[in-house]
Protein backbone atom coordinates (compact mmCIF):
# COMPACT_ATOMS: atom_id res chain seq x y z
CA MET A 1 0.10 -0.05 0.12
CA LYS A 2 2.49 2.18 0.69
CA LYS A 3 4.07 1.88 -2.12
CA VAL A 4 1.22 2.37 -4.49
CA LEU A 5 0.81 5.80 -2.41
CA LEU A 6 4.56 6.34 -3.53
CA VAL A 7 3.91 5.55 -7.13
CA ALA A 8 0.79 7.89 -6.94
CA ALA A 9 2.63 10.88 -5.14
CA ALA A 10 5.64 10.86 -7.88
CA PHE A 11 3.09 10.84 -10.88
CA LEU A 12 1.41 13.79 -9.03
CA LEU A 13 4.95 15.82 -8.82
CA ALA A 14 5.94 14.44 -12.42
CA ALA A 15 2.31 15.69 -13.66
CA PRO A 16 3.51 19.71 -13.74
CA ILE A 17 6.88 18.80 -15.37
CA PHE A 18 5.54 16.82 -18.10
CA ALA A 19 2.85 19.76 -18.75
CA GLN A 20 5.72 22.19 -19.10
CA THR A 21 7.76 20.12 -20.91
CA GLU A 22 4.85 19.69 -23.26
CA LYS A 23 3.87 23.09 -23.09
CA LYS A 24 7.50 24.13 -24.26
CA ILE A 25 7.01 21.61 -27.15
CA THR A 26 3.98 23.00 -28.50
CA GLU A 27 5.78 26.63 -28.16
CA LYS A 28 8.28 25.18 -30.39
CA LYS A 29 6.23 24.31 -33.19
CA PRO A 30 5.69 27.82 -34.46
CA VAL A 31 9.05 28.33 -35.04
CA ALA A 32 9.24 25.42 -36.58
CA SER A 33 6.59 26.57 -39.02
CA GLU A 34 8.19 29.60 -39.20
CA SER A 35 11.73 28.23 -40.44
CA LYS A 36 9.53 26.72 -43.09
CA THR A 37 7.80 30.00 -44.54
CA VAL A 38 11.67 31.26 -44.59
CA VAL A 39 12.50 28.34 -46.72
CA LYS A 40 9.44 28.46 -48.60
CA LYS A 41 11.31 32.03 -49.76
CA ALA A 42 13.96 30.79 -50.49
CA PRO A 43 12.97 29.30 -54.12
CA ILE A 44 11.95 33.16 -55.01
CA LYS A 45 15.37 34.50 -54.53
CA LYS A 46 16.02 31.47 -56.54
CA ASP A 47 13.95 32.38 -59.10
CA ALA A 48 15.52 35.96 -58.67
CA LYS A 49 18.98 34.47 -59.41
CA VAL A 50 17.61 32.83 -62.63
CA ALA A 51 15.65 35.90 -64.36
CA VAL A 52 18.81 37.60 -63.79
CA SER A 53 20.73 34.91 -65.67
CA LYS A 54 18.29 35.24 -68.09
CA ASP A 55 19.08 38.44 -68.26
CA LEU A 56 22.63 37.94 -69.03
CA LYS A 57 22.25 35.40 -71.39
CA GLU A 58 20.03 37.77 -73.22
CA ALA A 59 23.17 40.32 -73.15
CA VAL A 60 25.97 38.24 -74.20
CA PRO A 61 23.97 37.94 -78.06
CA ALA A 62 23.56 42.07 -78.24
CA GLU A 63 27.51 42.27 -77.45
CA LYS A 64 27.82 39.80 -79.89
CA LYS A 65 25.81 41.38 -82.06
CA LEU A 66 28.03 44.48 -81.79
CA VAL A 67 31.40 42.91 -82.15
CA GLU A 68 30.32 41.54 -85.28
CA THR A 69 28.83 44.73 -86.68
CA ALA A 70 32.10 46.75 -85.26
CA PRO A 71 34.13 45.56 -88.58
CA GLN A 72 31.22 46.38 -90.66
CA ILE A 73 31.75 50.08 -89.40
CA VAL A 74 35.20 50.11 -89.96
CA ASP A 75 35.08 48.73 -93.49
CA ASN A 76 32.39 51.89 -93.62
CA LYS A 77 34.85 54.49 -92.65
CA GLU A 78 37.47 53.01 -94.91
CA THR A 79 35.01 53.49 -97.76
CA LEU A 80 34.10 57.18 -96.69
CA GLY A 81 37.96 58.12 -96.94
CA GLN A 82 38.49 57.19 -100.15
CA PRO A 83 38.19 59.70 -102.98
CA THR A 84 34.11 59.20 -104.48
CA GLN A 85 34.32 58.77 -108.42
CA VAL A 86 32.08 61.55 -110.52
CA ALA A 87 30.88 60.38 -113.88
CA PRO A 88 32.49 63.23 -116.04
CA VAL A 89 29.89 65.92 -117.20
CA ALA A 90 30.14 66.57 -120.80
CA ALA A 91 31.18 70.02 -121.75
CA PRO A 92 28.64 72.45 -123.35
CA ALA A 93 28.58 72.96 -127.04
CA PRO A 94 30.39 76.26 -128.25
CA PRO A 95 27.84 79.11 -128.81
CA VAL A 96 27.12 78.94 -132.71
CA ASP A 97 28.17 82.34 -134.62
CA VAL A 98 25.44 82.86 -136.18
CA ASN A 99 27.61 85.86 -138.38
CA LYS A 100 29.18 82.67 -140.25
CA LEU A 101 26.30 81.47 -141.51
CA PHE A 102 24.17 84.10 -142.09
CA GLU A 103 24.81 87.93 -143.83
CA PHE A 104 22.64 90.76 -142.53
CA LYS A 105 21.52 93.62 -144.47
CA ASN A 106 19.94 96.69 -142.37
CA ASP A 107 20.13 94.79 -139.45
CA ALA A 108 21.03 98.20 -137.68
CA PHE A 109 18.95 100.30 -139.96
CA ASP A 110 18.10 104.38 -139.02
CA PHE A 111 14.90 106.15 -140.46
CA GLY A 112 16.01 109.57 -139.45
CA LYS A 113 13.81 111.72 -138.73
CA ILE A 114 9.80 110.90 -139.53
CA PRO A 115 6.38 112.36 -138.91
CA ALA A 116 5.22 111.63 -135.57
CA GLY A 117 1.47 109.05 -135.46
CA LYS A 118 2.77 108.43 -139.26
CA PRO A 119 3.55 104.39 -139.97
CA SER A 120 6.73 103.57 -141.49
CA LYS A 121 8.42 100.61 -142.33
CA TYR A 122 11.73 98.87 -143.70
CA ASP A 123 13.12 95.51 -145.61
CA LEU A 124 15.59 92.94 -143.55
CA PHE A 125 17.28 90.80 -145.83
CA ILE A 126 19.19 87.98 -144.56
CA LYS A 127 21.57 85.92 -146.57
CA ASN A 128 22.13 82.20 -146.18
CA ILE A 129 26.38 81.72 -146.29
CA SER A 130 26.30 78.13 -144.78
CA LYS A 131 26.58 75.00 -146.77
CA GLU A 132 23.35 73.97 -145.74
CA THR A 133 19.71 74.42 -145.90
CA ALA A 134 18.64 77.21 -143.35
CA GLU A 135 15.32 78.20 -142.27
CA LEU A 136 13.37 81.24 -140.75
CA THR A 137 11.73 79.68 -137.60
CA LEU A 138 10.72 83.16 -135.83
CA VAL A 139 10.65 87.23 -135.69
CA GLN A 140 9.82 88.24 -132.43
CA PRO A 141 9.73 92.35 -131.74
CA GLY A 142 10.59 93.95 -128.18
CA CYS A 143 7.28 95.70 -128.07
CA GLY A 144 3.64 96.26 -129.79
CA CYS A 145 4.76 99.00 -131.56
CA THR A 146 6.82 97.17 -133.72
CA THR A 147 5.02 94.95 -136.73
CA PRO A 148 7.31 92.18 -138.76
CA GLU A 149 5.88 90.49 -141.68
CA TYR A 150 7.99 87.30 -142.62
CA GLU A 151 7.25 83.69 -143.94
CA ALA A 152 7.27 81.87 -140.78
CA LYS A 153 9.71 77.95 -141.09
CA LYS A 154 11.00 79.52 -144.31
CA LYS A 155 13.10 77.02 -145.89
CA PHE A 156 16.39 78.80 -148.14
CA ALA A 157 19.25 77.27 -149.69
CA PRO A 158 22.63 78.07 -149.45
CA GLY A 159 23.34 81.36 -150.68
CA GLU A 160 19.41 82.22 -151.36
CA THR A 161 18.06 85.11 -149.49
CA VAL A 162 14.81 85.97 -147.15
CA LYS A 163 13.78 89.18 -146.62
CA VAL A 164 11.39 90.45 -142.93
CA THR A 165 10.06 93.51 -143.51
CA LEU A 166 9.85 95.30 -139.83
CA GLY A 167 7.07 98.04 -139.87
CA PHE A 168 6.82 101.17 -136.74
CA ASN A 169 3.64 102.95 -136.07
CA GLY A 170 5.51 106.34 -135.59
CA GLY A 171 5.21 106.74 -132.09
CA ALA A 172 2.48 109.33 -130.78
CA PRO A 173 0.77 111.97 -132.88
CA GLY A 174 2.22 115.28 -132.11
CA SER A 175 5.03 114.78 -130.44
CA GLY A 176 8.63 114.30 -131.57
CA THR A 177 11.10 111.96 -129.47
CA PRO A 178 13.72 109.74 -130.47
CA PHE A 179 13.02 106.40 -130.70
CA SER A 180 15.44 103.01 -130.86
CA LYS A 181 13.18 99.61 -131.43
CA SER A 182 15.00 95.98 -131.07
CA VAL A 183 13.79 92.62 -132.85
CA THR A 184 14.82 88.89 -132.15
CA VAL A 185 15.26 86.53 -135.13
CA THR A 186 15.79 83.48 -134.70
CA LEU A 187 17.16 80.69 -137.57
CA ASN A 188 16.90 77.06 -137.89
CA SER A 189 15.42 76.67 -133.95
CA ASN A 190 18.61 77.65 -132.18
CA VAL A 191 20.58 80.35 -133.71
CA THR A 192 19.35 83.78 -132.65
CA LYS A 193 20.54 87.36 -134.29
CA VAL A 194 19.13 90.86 -132.75
CA VAL A 195 18.49 93.19 -135.09
CA THR A 196 17.65 97.00 -134.47
CA PHE A 197 16.00 100.20 -136.12
CA LYS A 198 16.04 103.80 -134.67
CA GLY A 199 15.13 107.00 -135.52
CA GLU A 200 13.88 110.58 -134.48
CA THR A 201 9.99 111.76 -135.15
CA TYR A 202 9.12 115.45 -135.26
CA ALA A 203 5.77 117.07 -134.52
CA VAL A 204 3.76 117.31 -137.31
CA PRO A 205 1.28 120.70 -136.91
CA THR A 206 -2.41 119.99 -137.13
CA GLU A 207 -3.93 123.51 -136.96
CA SER A 208 -4.26 125.26 -140.28
CA ALA A 209 -2.56 128.12 -141.66
CA PRO A 210 -3.78 131.37 -140.20
CA ALA A 211 -5.31 133.72 -142.51
CA ASN A 212 -3.88 136.67 -144.57
CA GLY A 213 -4.98 139.70 -143.10
CA SER A 214 -3.50 142.16 -145.56
CA ILE A 215 -5.22 140.66 -148.50
CA ASP A 216 -8.66 141.55 -146.49
CA LYS A 217 -7.68 145.07 -145.67
CA LEU A 218 -6.88 145.60 -149.44
CA LYS A 219 -10.03 144.11 -150.21
CA PRO A 220 -12.72 147.18 -149.31
CA ALA A 221 -10.69 149.84 -151.20
CA GLU A 222 -10.60 148.27 -154.60
CA GLU A 223 -14.15 148.23 -154.25
CA THR A 224 -14.27 151.85 -153.27
CA LYS A 225 -12.60 152.50 -157.17
CA HIS A 226 -15.24 150.71 -158.95
């Protein structure tokens, strides 16, 4: 009986110790859970490292591309340093001397003095002194006061002569002033010659002559004699 009581007493005394030990074990369990959570975060860091490594792997080809393009840039510099080859430009054809192909008469005509307002005209002669058939293409006056008369695109053989009549309207009536005009003659479609004419107009009186007063005074005296 005493042994039973001693065992019971020992059990009662050990119960609080077991309770405290069990409590400590239960308190440590959350720590274990915390360590588990830390372990769960570890893969995130691992993934981050993997992501960085992927970025590095992608960056490497870009560097390779720069290295590959570098020789091309050097080649371009060498090309730019070389002198540029320019295709030769053909020299323009020398202008044609119209006086070696044609002979002009009255190409600097002088009217002298002409009455103002009275139209006047003169003839310009062009002789073909070349070895080819020529053409009188166009006659262009410098102003509206000049009127040309000619046959457009007239063909004339070597040694032949064509005529161009140039008319001047005489200027403003009743006023006397000098004048100078120009006309451009085109031959063979691309050869030109500028001819000129000049003169001076004089004013023409428009009023009639005054009556002779002395004759009128003599008439009454003659009538008285009769």
